[in-house]
């Protein structure tokens, strides 16, 4: 499924049309909880190391469960730190989503951090990926996040960087940075559609975080949509259980 996800996304980016894949965004769920949730119908998993209660050391355990369930994992990084990027990529994730990318120069630095020489500067060594513990040896996706006013302004230049597979739109932080009324506001949705259009022009992948009915109305136009979080799923399930 990890290989199928990438092939589908890259075919879509080459002009085959949106390849909507719906994901569950993990902020606290551990391997045991993921064993229960993995059969819930998601096409992919987003592991959030920037917010919530998960850390880099949690990634291999989550991957073991996800691999058994044939679910690709994209990991949102906590920063642009090359060392952390290397550790997460070594674990065998299908790709990384990197927050707060404001410029093409930052995107170029991320490509270097994610790719070994001669294309980049990433170190190699014994890890799940190089030792064959994970069967996923395809090139891993690099998706910088467009989630600031500066990132929105420079989205076309970020998408033009060789080695960047696409972008992941962050409506929540963008609405704050740009002064929009909220993540589901018409202004934010217009910005999302603008980024989708730019991604299509560049022949690259586009995804975003939803979490509201208004944002989900745009889902069919994108390739990757994080429908909502494990927190929301737990809250809704408990609410129904005790209603």
Foldseek 3Di string as FASTA:
>chain_A
DLVVLVVQQLVCLQPPAAAFFEEAEEQEDALVNCLVCLPVDGQAYEYECQHHDDHLVRQLSNVVSCVVSVHAYEYEDNALDLVSLLSNVLSPHQAYEYEDDQALVSLQQSLQSNDPPPSHPHDDDDGCQVVVVDVDPDRHAYAYEQQAPSCLVHVLSNLQDPNHQAYEYELANHCVRVVNPGSLDPVNVVSLVVRLVSSSVSSHAYEYEDADPSRVVCSSRHHYYHPYYPVVVVVVVVVVVVD
